[in-house]
Amino acid sequence: MDWLALIIAGVFEWGWPVGLKLGWTSEGARYGWIAFAILCMVASGACLLYAQRTIPMGTAYAVWTGIGAVGTFVIGVLIFAEPASLARWFFAGLIVVGIAGLKFS
């Protein structure tokens, strides 16, 4: 259950960069998106807090940030048309390998 909470925490990590990106435009602040970002931050932190009851802090933090980083990278490529070079995919893949290594070691 704690690993599930950690995965959910990582998924909530995707929400706050998206909310912040969409929360400010040339017309000014978009408060709904900013509120979404804050909600994702709180939910992510709460799930991480729960997961760290049994998962070592260093492992939990690395997995949490890794899920957040890779997920945000993929969202950036697929939704925001950010660069998707082979090198960027390779290094995102290395993060996934690191996450799996922490889980299974």
PDB file of N, CA and C in Angstrom:
ATOM      1  N   MET A   1       0.818  -1.199   0.000  1.00  0.00           N
ATOM      2  CA  MET A   1       0.000   0.000   0.000  1.00  0.00           C
ATOM      3  C   MET A   1       0.863   1.265   0.000  1.00  0.00           C
ATOM      4  N   ASP A   2       2.001   1.205   0.706  1.00  0.00           N
ATOM      5  CA  ASP A   2       2.873   2.377   0.744  1.00  0.00           C
ATOM      6  C   ASP A   2       3.509   2.657  -0.618  1.00  0.00           C
ATOM      7  N   TRP A   3       3.826   1.583  -1.366  1.00  0.00           N
ATOM      8  CA  TRP A   3       4.374   1.791  -2.708  1.00  0.00           C
ATOM      9  C   TRP A   3       3.316   2.374  -3.638  1.00  0.00           C
ATOM     10  N   LEU A   4       2.079   1.969  -3.480  1.00  0.00           N
ATOM     11  CA  LEU A   4       1.004   2.547  -4.273  1.00  0.00           C
ATOM     12  C   LEU A   4       0.853   4.038  -3.962  1.00  0.00           C
ATOM     13  N   ALA A   5       0.916   4.371  -2.677  1.00  0.00           N
ATOM     14  CA  ALA A   5       0.844   5.788  -2.274  1.00  0.00           C
ATOM     15  C   ALA A   5       2.003   6.573  -2.876  1.00  0.00           C
ATOM     16  N   LEU A   6       3.172   5.956  -2.946  1.00  0.00           N
ATOM     17  CA  LEU A   6       4.336   6.632  -3.517  1.00  0.00           C
ATOM     18  C   LEU A   6       4.150   6.861  -5.015  1.00  0.00           C
ATOM     19  N   ILE A   7       3.606   5.888  -5.699  1.00  0.00           N
ATOM     20  CA  ILE A   7       3.340   6.053  -7.136  1.00  0.00           C
ATOM     21  C   ILE A   7       2.300   7.154  -7.359  1.00  0.00           C
ATOM     22  N   ILE A   8       1.258   7.159  -6.542  1.00  0.00           N
ATOM     23  CA  ILE A   8       0.243   8.213  -6.648  1.00  0.00           C
ATOM     24  C   ILE A   8       0.862   9.581  -6.362  1.00  0.00           C
ATOM     25  N   ALA A   9       1.741   9.649  -5.377  1.00  0.00           N
ATOM     26  CA  ALA A   9       2.439  10.908  -5.083  1.00  0.00           C
ATOM     27  C   ALA A   9       3.223  11.375  -6.300  1.00  0.00           C
ATOM     28  N   GLY A  10       3.896  10.442  -6.967  1.00  0.00           N
ATOM     29  CA  GLY A  10       4.648  10.789  -8.172  1.00  0.00           C
ATOM     30  C   GLY A  10       3.758  11.283  -9.292  1.00  0.00           C
ATOM     31  N   VAL A  11       2.591  10.687  -9.431  1.00  0.00           N
ATOM     32  CA  VAL A  11       1.652  11.131 -10.470  1.00  0.00           C
ATOM     33  C   VAL A  11       1.136  12.535 -10.158  1.00  0.00           C
ATOM     34  N   PHE A  12       0.856  12.813  -8.893  1.00  0.00           N
ATOM     35  CA  PHE A  12       0.451  14.180  -8.530  1.00  0.00           C
ATOM     36  C   PHE A  12       1.563  15.185  -8.809  1.00  0.00           C
ATOM     37  N   GLU A  13       2.800  14.731  -8.819  1.00  0.00           N
ATOM     38  CA  GLU A  13       3.914  15.615  -9.156  1.00  0.00           C
ATOM     39  C   GLU A  13       3.798  16.136 -10.586  1.00  0.00           C
ATOM     40  N   TRP A  14       3.124  15.412 -11.442  1.00  0.00           N
ATOM     41  CA  TRP A  14       2.941  15.884 -12.813  1.00  0.00           C
ATOM     42  C   TRP A  14       2.037  17.101 -12.873  1.00  0.00           C
ATOM     43  N   GLY A  15       1.102  17.187 -11.939  1.00  0.00           N
ATOM     44  CA  GLY A  15       0.076  18.225 -12.000  1.00  0.00           C
ATOM     45  C   GLY A  15       0.566  19.613 -11.716  1.00  0.00           C
ATOM     46  N   TRP A  16       1.513  19.729 -10.784  1.00  0.00           N
ATOM     47  CA  TRP A  16       1.852  21.107 -10.439  1.00  0.00           C
ATOM     48  C   TRP A  16       2.682  21.823 -11.489  1.00  0.00           C
ATOM     49  N   PRO A  17       3.623  21.192 -12.206  1.00  0.00           N
ATOM     50  CA  PRO A  17       4.282  21.942 -13.283  1.00  0.00           C
ATOM     51  C   PRO A  17       3.318  22.297 -14.410  1.00  0.00           C
ATOM     52  N   VAL A  18       2.381  21.387 -14.698  1.00  0.00           N
ATOM     53  CA  VAL A  18       1.382  21.678 -15.730  1.00  0.00           C
ATOM     54  C   VAL A  18       0.511  22.856 -15.285  1.00  0.00           C
ATOM     55  N   GLY A  19       0.055  22.817 -14.031  1.00  0.00           N
ATOM     56  CA  GLY A  19      -0.762  23.908 -13.518  1.00  0.00           C
ATOM     57  C   GLY A  19      -0.040  25.242 -13.526  1.00  0.00           C
ATOM     58  N   LEU A  20       1.251  25.220 -13.180  1.00  0.00           N
ATOM     59  CA  LEU A  20       2.008  26.468 -13.195  1.00  0.00           C
ATOM     60  C   LEU A  20       2.248  26.959 -14.621  1.00  0.00           C
ATOM     61  N   LYS A  21       2.510  26.034 -15.545  1.00  0.00           N
ATOM     62  CA  LYS A  21       2.729  26.431 -16.937  1.00  0.00           C
ATOM     63  C   LYS A  21       1.467  27.075 -17.518  1.00  0.00           C
ATOM     64  N   LEU A  22       0.324  26.466 -17.218  1.00  0.00           N
ATOM     65  CA  LEU A  22      -0.937  26.987 -17.748  1.00  0.00           C
ATOM     66  C   LEU A  22      -1.512  28.114 -16.895  1.00  0.00           C
ATOM     67  N   GLY A  23      -0.943  28.321 -15.716  1.00  0.00           N
ATOM     68  CA  GLY A  23      -1.477  29.312 -14.794  1.00  0.00           C
ATOM     69  C   GLY A  23      -1.052  30.739 -15.064  1.00  0.00           C
ATOM     70  N   TRP A  24      -0.124  30.922 -15.991  1.00  0.00           N
ATOM     71  CA  TRP A  24       0.308  32.278 -16.305  1.00  0.00           C
ATOM     72  C   TRP A  24       0.412  32.417 -17.806  1.00  0.00           C
ATOM     73  N   THR A  25      -0.307  33.359 -18.359  1.00  0.00           N
ATOM     74  CA  THR A  25      -0.280  33.602 -19.798  1.00  0.00           C
ATOM     75  C   THR A  25       0.024  35.080 -20.033  1.00  0.00           C
ATOM     76  N   SER A  26       0.087  35.454 -21.283  1.00  0.00           N
ATOM     77  CA  SER A  26       0.329  36.864 -21.607  1.00  0.00           C
ATOM     78  C   SER A  26      -0.819  37.753 -21.125  1.00  0.00           C
ATOM     79  N   GLU A  27      -1.988  37.161 -20.902  1.00  0.00           N
ATOM     80  CA  GLU A  27      -3.135  37.916 -20.381  1.00  0.00           C
ATOM     81  C   GLU A  27      -3.102  38.021 -18.863  1.00  0.00           C
ATOM     82  N   GLY A  28      -2.218  37.269 -18.211  1.00  0.00           N
ATOM     83  CA  GLY A  28      -2.122  37.317 -16.754  1.00  0.00           C
ATOM     84  C   GLY A  28      -2.377  35.969 -16.117  1.00  0.00           C
ATOM     85  N   ALA A  29      -2.660  36.016 -14.824  1.00  0.00           N
ATOM     86  CA  ALA A  29      -2.838  34.790 -14.049  1.00  0.00           C
ATOM     87  C   ALA A  29      -4.158  34.111 -14.375  1.00  0.00           C
ATOM     88  N   ARG A  30      -4.107  32.783 -14.382  1.00  0.00           N
ATOM     89  CA  ARG A  30      -5.307  31.951 -14.538  1.00  0.00           C
ATOM     90  C   ARG A  30      -5.425  31.162 -13.238  1.00  0.00           C
ATOM     91  N   TYR A  31      -6.246  31.672 -12.337  1.00  0.00           N
ATOM     92  CA  TYR A  31      -6.268  31.185 -10.962  1.00  0.00           C
ATOM     93  C   TYR A  31      -6.737  29.744 -10.820  1.00  0.00           C
ATOM     94  N   GLY A  32      -7.559  29.263 -11.731  1.00  0.00           N
ATOM     95  CA  GLY A  32      -7.980  27.869 -11.679  1.00  0.00           C
ATOM     96  C   GLY A  32      -6.794  26.927 -11.840  1.00  0.00           C
ATOM     97  N   TRP A  33      -5.917  27.227 -12.780  1.00  0.00           N
ATOM     98  CA  TRP A  33      -4.728  26.403 -12.995  1.00  0.00           C
ATOM     99  C   TRP A  33      -3.741  26.529 -11.844  1.00  0.00           C
ATOM    100  N   ILE A  34      -3.625  27.716 -11.282  1.00  0.00           N
ATOM    101  CA  ILE A  34      -2.733  27.893 -10.124  1.00  0.00           C
ATOM    102  C   ILE A  34      -3.269  27.105  -8.937  1.00  0.00           C
ATOM    103  N   ALA A  35      -4.573  27.128  -8.738  1.00  0.00           N
ATOM    104  CA  ALA A  35      -5.179  26.341  -7.661  1.00  0.00           C
ATOM    105  C   ALA A  35      -4.969  24.846  -7.906  1.00  0.00           C
ATOM    106  N   PHE A  36      -5.081  24.425  -9.155  1.00  0.00           N
ATOM    107  CA  PHE A  36      -4.822  23.029  -9.508  1.00  0.00           C
ATOM    108  C   PHE A  36      -3.385  22.649  -9.136  1.00  0.00           C
ATOM    109  N   ALA A  37      -2.430  23.518  -9.443  1.00  0.00           N
ATOM    110  CA  ALA A  37      -1.030  23.256  -9.104  1.00  0.00           C
ATOM    111  C   ALA A  37      -0.852  23.105  -7.593  1.00  0.00           C
ATOM    112  N   ILE A  38      -1.463  23.986  -6.832  1.00  0.00           N
ATOM    113  CA  ILE A  38      -1.342  23.934  -5.365  1.00  0.00           C
ATOM    114  C   ILE A  38      -1.987  22.661  -4.825  1.00  0.00           C
ATOM    115  N   LEU A  39      -3.141  22.300  -5.348  1.00  0.00           N
ATOM    116  CA  LEU A  39      -3.808  21.068  -4.932  1.00  0.00           C
ATOM    117  C   LEU A  39      -2.923  19.853  -5.210  1.00  0.00           C
ATOM    118  N   CYS A  40      -2.294  19.815  -6.372  1.00  0.00           N
ATOM    119  CA  CYS A  40      -1.397  18.700  -6.709  1.00  0.00           C
ATOM    120  C   CYS A  40      -0.188  18.661  -5.785  1.00  0.00           C
ATOM    121  N   MET A  41       0.359  19.825  -5.440  1.00  0.00           N
ATOM    122  CA  MET A  41       1.494  19.869  -4.510  1.00  0.00           C
ATOM    123  C   MET A  41       1.110  19.272  -3.154  1.00  0.00           C
ATOM    124  N   VAL A  42      -0.037  19.686  -2.641  1.00  0.00           N
ATOM    125  CA  VAL A  42      -0.490  19.204  -1.328  1.00  0.00           C
ATOM    126  C   VAL A  42      -0.769  17.703  -1.376  1.00  0.00           C
ATOM    127  N   ALA A  43      -1.463  17.244  -2.411  1.00  0.00           N
ATOM    128  CA  ALA A  43      -1.779  15.824  -2.525  1.00  0.00           C
ATOM    129  C   ALA A  43      -0.510  14.992  -2.681  1.00  0.00           C
ATOM    130  N   SER A  44       0.421  15.477  -3.451  1.00  0.00           N
ATOM    131  CA  SER A  44       1.678  14.767  -3.646  1.00  0.00           C
ATOM    132  C   SER A  44       2.451  14.653  -2.337  1.00  0.00           C
ATOM    133  N   GLY A  45       2.543  15.747  -1.625  1.00  0.00           N
ATOM    134  CA  GLY A  45       3.235  15.733  -0.338  1.00  0.00           C
ATOM    135  C   GLY A  45       2.565  14.826   0.675  1.00  0.00           C
ATOM    136  N   ALA A  46       1.237  14.824   0.699  1.00  0.00           N
ATOM    137  CA  ALA A  46       0.507  13.974   1.639  1.00  0.00           C
ATOM    138  C   ALA A  46       0.740  12.496   1.331  1.00  0.00           C
ATOM    139  N   CYS A  47       0.714  12.135   0.060  1.00  0.00           N
ATOM    140  CA  CYS A  47       0.960  10.736  -0.312  1.00  0.00           C
ATOM    141  C   CYS A  47       2.405  10.338  -0.011  1.00  0.00           C
ATOM    142  N   LEU A  48       3.346  11.247  -0.238  1.00  0.00           N
ATOM    143  CA  LEU A  48       4.748  10.962   0.101  1.00  0.00           C
ATOM    144  C   LEU A  48       4.900  10.768   1.601  1.00  0.00           C
ATOM    145  N   LEU A  49       4.259  11.605   2.389  1.00  0.00           N
ATOM    146  CA  LEU A  49       4.290  11.480   3.839  1.00  0.00           C
ATOM    147  C   LEU A  49       3.804  10.097   4.271  1.00  0.00           C
ATOM    148  N   TYR A  50       2.708   9.660   3.685  1.00  0.00           N
ATOM    149  CA  TYR A  50       2.149   8.345   3.999  1.00  0.00           C
ATOM    150  C   TYR A  50       3.111   7.224   3.596  1.00  0.00           C
ATOM    151  N   ALA A  51       3.688   7.341   2.408  1.00  0.00           N
ATOM    152  CA  ALA A  51       4.573   6.286   1.896  1.00  0.00           C
ATOM    153  C   ALA A  51       5.835   6.133   2.734  1.00  0.00           C
ATOM    154  N   GLN A  52       6.321   7.228   3.277  1.00  0.00           N
ATOM    155  CA  GLN A  52       7.574   7.177   4.035  1.00  0.00           C
ATOM    156  C   GLN A  52       7.437   6.521   5.399  1.00  0.00           C
ATOM    157  N   ARG A  53       6.262   6.067   5.734  1.00  0.00           N
ATOM    158  CA  ARG A  53       6.104   5.333   6.993  1.00  0.00           C
ATOM    159  C   ARG A  53       6.932   4.058   6.966  1.00  0.00           C
ATOM    160  N   THR A  54       6.990   3.396   5.800  1.00  0.00           N
ATOM    161  CA  THR A  54       7.727   2.136   5.714  1.00  0.00           C
ATOM    162  C   THR A  54       8.828   2.147   4.657  1.00  0.00           C
ATOM    163  N   ILE A  55       8.754   3.032   3.693  1.00  0.00           N
ATOM    164  CA  ILE A  55       9.778   3.103   2.645  1.00  0.00           C
ATOM    165  C   ILE A  55      10.874   4.050   3.125  1.00  0.00           C
ATOM    166  N   PRO A  56      12.141   3.648   3.017  1.00  0.00           N
ATOM    167  CA  PRO A  56      13.219   4.543   3.449  1.00  0.00           C
ATOM    168  C   PRO A  56      13.137   5.906   2.752  1.00  0.00           C
ATOM    169  N   MET A  57      13.442   6.956   3.504  1.00  0.00           N
ATOM    170  CA  MET A  57      13.292   8.320   3.009  1.00  0.00           C
ATOM    171  C   MET A  57      14.040   8.557   1.701  1.00  0.00           C
ATOM    172  N   GLY A  58      15.285   8.136   1.613  1.00  0.00           N
ATOM    173  CA  GLY A  58      16.071   8.360   0.401  1.00  0.00           C
ATOM    174  C   GLY A  58      15.478   7.652  -0.807  1.00  0.00           C
ATOM    175  N   THR A  59      15.027   6.440  -0.603  1.00  0.00           N
ATOM    176  CA  THR A  59      14.392   5.685  -1.689  1.00  0.00           C
ATOM    177  C   THR A  59      13.083   6.353  -2.097  1.00  0.00           C
ATOM    178  N   ALA A  60      12.258   6.696  -1.128  1.00  0.00           N
ATOM    179  CA  ALA A  60      10.965   7.321  -1.426  1.00  0.00           C
ATOM    180  C   ALA A  60      11.154   8.635  -2.176  1.00  0.00           C
ATOM    181  N   TYR A  61      12.091   9.444  -1.729  1.00  0.00           N
ATOM    182  CA  TYR A  61      12.306  10.739  -2.375  1.00  0.00           C
ATOM    183  C   TYR A  61      12.806  10.562  -3.804  1.00  0.00           C
ATOM    184  N   ALA A  62      13.745   9.643  -4.007  1.00  0.00           N
ATOM    185  CA  ALA A  62      14.288   9.423  -5.349  1.00  0.00           C
ATOM    186  C   ALA A  62      13.214   8.893  -6.297  1.00  0.00           C
ATOM    187  N   VAL A  63      12.410   7.952  -5.835  1.00  0.00           N
ATOM    188  CA  VAL A  63      11.347   7.401  -6.676  1.00  0.00           C
ATOM    189  C   VAL A  63      10.299   8.476  -6.968  1.00  0.00           C
ATOM    190  N   TRP A  64       9.918   9.236  -5.951  1.00  0.00           N
ATOM    191  CA  TRP A  64       8.922  10.303  -6.092  1.00  0.00           C
ATOM    192  C   TRP A  64       9.361  11.335  -7.131  1.00  0.00           C
ATOM    193  N   THR A  65      10.589  11.813  -6.991  1.00  0.00           N
ATOM    194  CA  THR A  65      11.066  12.814  -7.947  1.00  0.00           C
ATOM    195  C   THR A  65      11.279  12.214  -9.328  1.00  0.00           C
ATOM    196  N   GLY A  66      11.695  10.938  -9.375  1.00  0.00           N
ATOM    197  CA  GLY A  66      11.892  10.291 -10.667  1.00  0.00           C
ATOM    198  C   GLY A  66      10.594  10.137 -11.432  1.00  0.00           C
ATOM    199  N   ILE A  67       9.547   9.669 -10.748  1.00  0.00           N
ATOM    200  CA  ILE A  67       8.237   9.550 -11.394  1.00  0.00           C
ATOM    201  C   ILE A  67       7.770  10.923 -11.859  1.00  0.00           C
ATOM    202  N   GLY A  68       7.955  11.917 -11.011  1.00  0.00           N
ATOM    203  CA  GLY A  68       7.561  13.276 -11.381  1.00  0.00           C
ATOM    204  C   GLY A  68       8.337  13.806 -12.573  1.00  0.00           C
ATOM    205  N   ALA A  69       9.644  13.582 -12.582  1.00  0.00           N
ATOM    206  CA  ALA A  69      10.482  14.100 -13.666  1.00  0.00           C
ATOM    207  C   ALA A  69      10.173  13.423 -14.996  1.00  0.00           C
ATOM    208  N   VAL A  70      10.089  12.106 -14.995  1.00  0.00           N
ATOM    209  CA  VAL A  70       9.826  11.389 -16.246  1.00  0.00           C
ATOM    210  C   VAL A  70       8.412  11.682 -16.743  1.00  0.00           C
ATOM    211  N   GLY A  71       7.442  11.678 -15.846  1.00  0.00           N
ATOM    212  CA  GLY A  71       6.074  11.975 -16.253  1.00  0.00           C
ATOM    213  C   GLY A  71       5.923  13.374 -16.811  1.00  0.00           C
ATOM    214  N   THR A  72       6.569  14.331 -16.172  1.00  0.00           N
ATOM    215  CA  THR A  72       6.506  15.710 -16.645  1.00  0.00           C
ATOM    216  C   THR A  72       7.197  15.848 -17.999  1.00  0.00           C
ATOM    217  N   PHE A  73       8.303  15.128 -18.173  1.00  0.00           N
ATOM    218  CA  PHE A  73       8.995  15.127 -19.466  1.00  0.00           C
ATOM    219  C   PHE A  73       8.065  14.606 -20.563  1.00  0.00           C
ATOM    220  N   VAL A  74       7.411  13.483 -20.315  1.00  0.00           N
ATOM    221  CA  VAL A  74       6.516  12.885 -21.315  1.00  0.00           C
ATOM    222  C   VAL A  74       5.347  13.816 -21.611  1.00  0.00           C
ATOM    223  N   ILE A  75       4.754  14.407 -20.588  1.00  0.00           N
ATOM    224  CA  ILE A  75       3.658  15.367 -20.799  1.00  0.00           C
ATOM    225  C   ILE A  75       4.144  16.547 -21.636  1.00  0.00           C
ATOM    226  N   GLY A  76       5.339  17.035 -21.334  1.00  0.00           N
ATOM    227  CA  GLY A  76       5.891  18.146 -22.105  1.00  0.00           C
ATOM    228  C   GLY A  76       6.038  17.813 -23.574  1.00  0.00           C
ATOM    229  N   VAL A  77       6.511  16.602 -23.848  1.00  0.00           N
ATOM    230  CA  VAL A  77       6.697  16.179 -25.239  1.00  0.00           C
ATOM    231  C   VAL A  77       5.346  15.971 -25.928  1.00  0.00           C
ATOM    232  N   LEU A  78       4.448  15.254 -25.265  1.00  0.00           N
ATOM    233  CA  LEU A  78       3.182  14.881 -25.916  1.00  0.00           C
ATOM    234  C   LEU A  78       2.164  16.007 -25.986  1.00  0.00           C
ATOM    235  N   ILE A  79       2.109  16.846 -24.972  1.00  0.00           N
ATOM    236  CA  ILE A  79       1.060  17.872 -24.924  1.00  0.00           C
ATOM    237  C   ILE A  79       1.569  19.255 -25.307  1.00  0.00           C
ATOM    238  N   PHE A  80       2.794  19.577 -24.901  1.00  0.00           N
ATOM    239  CA  PHE A  80       3.308  20.925 -25.129  1.00  0.00           C
ATOM    240  C   PHE A  80       4.327  21.004 -26.258  1.00  0.00           C
ATOM    241  N   ALA A  81       4.473  19.914 -27.010  1.00  0.00           N
ATOM    242  CA  ALA A  81       5.354  19.871 -28.181  1.00  0.00           C
ATOM    243  C   ALA A  81       6.786  20.280 -27.858  1.00  0.00           C
ATOM    244  N   GLU A  82       7.272  19.855 -26.697  1.00  0.00           N
ATOM    245  CA  GLU A  82       8.662  20.128 -26.335  1.00  0.00           C
ATOM    246  C   GLU A  82       9.578  19.182 -27.106  1.00  0.00           C
ATOM    247  N   PRO A  83      10.863  19.505 -27.214  1.00  0.00           N
ATOM    248  CA  PRO A  83      11.789  18.669 -27.992  1.00  0.00           C
ATOM    249  C   PRO A  83      11.803  17.218 -27.507  1.00  0.00           C
ATOM    250  N   ALA A  84      11.875  16.293 -28.461  1.00  0.00           N
ATOM    251  CA  ALA A  84      11.842  14.871 -28.143  1.00  0.00           C
ATOM    252  C   ALA A  84      12.992  14.144 -28.827  1.00  0.00           C
ATOM    253  N   SER A  85      14.195  14.619 -28.619  1.00  0.00           N
ATOM    254  CA  SER A  85      15.343  13.983 -29.249  1.00  0.00           C
ATOM    255  C   SER A  85      15.587  12.602 -28.650  1.00  0.00           C
ATOM    256  N   LEU A  86      16.309  11.794 -29.393  1.00  0.00           N
ATOM    257  CA  LEU A  86      16.654  10.458 -28.921  1.00  0.00           C
ATOM    258  C   LEU A  86      17.435  10.533 -27.614  1.00  0.00           C
ATOM    259  N   ALA A  87      18.313  11.493 -27.499  1.00  0.00           N
ATOM    260  CA  ALA A  87      19.109  11.641 -26.270  1.00  0.00           C
ATOM    261  C   ALA A  87      18.214  11.943 -25.069  1.00  0.00           C
ATOM    262  N   ARG A  88      17.233  12.798 -25.242  1.00  0.00           N
ATOM    263  CA  ARG A  88      16.330  13.113 -24.125  1.00  0.00           C
ATOM    264  C   ARG A  88      15.540  11.885 -23.694  1.00  0.00           C
ATOM    265  N   TRP A  89      15.061  11.093 -24.649  1.00  0.00           N
ATOM    266  CA  TRP A  89      14.347   9.863 -24.310  1.00  0.00           C
ATOM    267  C   TRP A  89      15.275   8.868 -23.625  1.00  0.00           C
ATOM    268  N   PHE A  90      16.506   8.776 -24.092  1.00  0.00           N
ATOM    269  CA  PHE A  90      17.475   7.862 -23.491  1.00  0.00           C
ATOM    270  C   PHE A  90      17.701   8.206 -22.020  1.00  0.00           C
ATOM    271  N   PHE A  91      17.934   9.474 -21.740  1.00  0.00           N
ATOM    272  CA  PHE A  91      18.217   9.864 -20.359  1.00  0.00           C
ATOM    273  C   PHE A  91      16.978   9.767 -19.470  1.00  0.00           C
ATOM    274  N   ALA A  92      15.802  10.001 -20.017  1.00  0.00           N
ATOM    275  CA  ALA A  92      14.579   9.753 -19.248  1.00  0.00           C
ATOM    276  C   ALA A  92      14.460   8.260 -18.937  1.00  0.00           C
ATOM    277  N   GLY A  93      14.848   7.422 -19.883  1.00  0.00           N
ATOM    278  CA  GLY A  93      14.858   5.982 -19.660  1.00  0.00           C
ATOM    279  C   GLY A  93      15.815   5.577 -18.554  1.00  0.00           C
ATOM    280  N   LEU A  94      16.945   6.253 -18.461  1.00  0.00           N
ATOM    281  CA  LEU A  94      17.882   5.973 -17.377  1.00  0.00           C
ATOM    282  C   LEU A  94      17.258   6.273 -16.014  1.00  0.00           C
ATOM    283  N   ILE A  95      16.446   7.323 -15.952  1.00  0.00           N
ATOM    284  CA  ILE A  95      15.757   7.630 -14.687  1.00  0.00           C
ATOM    285  C   ILE A  95      14.811   6.484 -14.337  1.00  0.00           C
ATOM    286  N   VAL A  96      14.098   5.964 -15.327  1.00  0.00           N
ATOM    287  CA  VAL A  96      13.182   4.838 -15.087  1.00  0.00           C
ATOM    288  C   VAL A  96      13.951   3.622 -14.583  1.00  0.00           C
ATOM    289  N   VAL A  97      15.105   3.349 -15.172  1.00  0.00           N
ATOM    290  CA  VAL A  97      15.935   2.225 -14.718  1.00  0.00           C
ATOM    291  C   VAL A  97      16.356   2.450 -13.266  1.00  0.00           C
ATOM    292  N   GLY A  98      16.711   3.673 -12.920  1.00  0.00           N
ATOM    293  CA  GLY A  98      17.084   3.982 -11.547  1.00  0.00           C
ATOM    294  C   GLY A  98      15.925   3.785 -10.575  1.00  0.00           C
ATOM    295  N   ILE A  99      14.751   4.189 -10.960  1.00  0.00           N
ATOM    296  CA  ILE A  99      13.559   4.001 -10.120  1.00  0.00           C
ATOM    297  C   ILE A  99      13.322   2.507  -9.886  1.00  0.00           C
ATOM    298  N   ALA A 100      13.375   1.733 -10.968  1.00  0.00           N
ATOM    299  CA  ALA A 100      13.163   0.283 -10.828  1.00  0.00           C
ATOM    300  C   ALA A 100      14.240  -0.336  -9.954  1.00  0.00           C
ATOM    301  N   GLY A 101      15.473   0.113 -10.120  1.00  0.00           N
ATOM    302  CA  GLY A 101      16.559  -0.403  -9.289  1.00  0.00           C
ATOM    303  C   GLY A 101      16.348  -0.130  -7.811  1.00  0.00           C
ATOM    304  N   LEU A 102      15.869   1.052  -7.487  1.00  0.00           N
ATOM    305  CA  LEU A 102      15.592   1.375  -6.086  1.00  0.00           C
ATOM    306  C   LEU A 102      14.446   0.531  -5.540  1.00  0.00           C
ATOM    307  N   LYS A 103      13.447   0.289  -6.358  1.00  0.00           N
ATOM    308  CA  LYS A 103      12.302  -0.512  -5.921  1.00  0.00           C
ATOM    309  C   LYS A 103      12.719  -1.950  -5.617  1.00  0.00           C
ATOM    310  N   PHE A 104      13.558  -2.511  -6.459  1.00  0.00           N
ATOM    311  CA  PHE A 104      13.872  -3.931  -6.333  1.00  0.00           C
ATOM    312  C   PHE A 104      15.140  -4.235  -5.544  1.00  0.00           C
ATOM    313  N   SER A 105      15.808  -3.217  -5.052  1.00  0.00           N
ATOM    314  CA  SER A 105      17.033  -3.497  -4.264  1.00  0.00           C
ATOM    315  C   SER A 105      16.815  -3.226  -2.790  1.00  0.00           C
TER     316      SER A 105
END
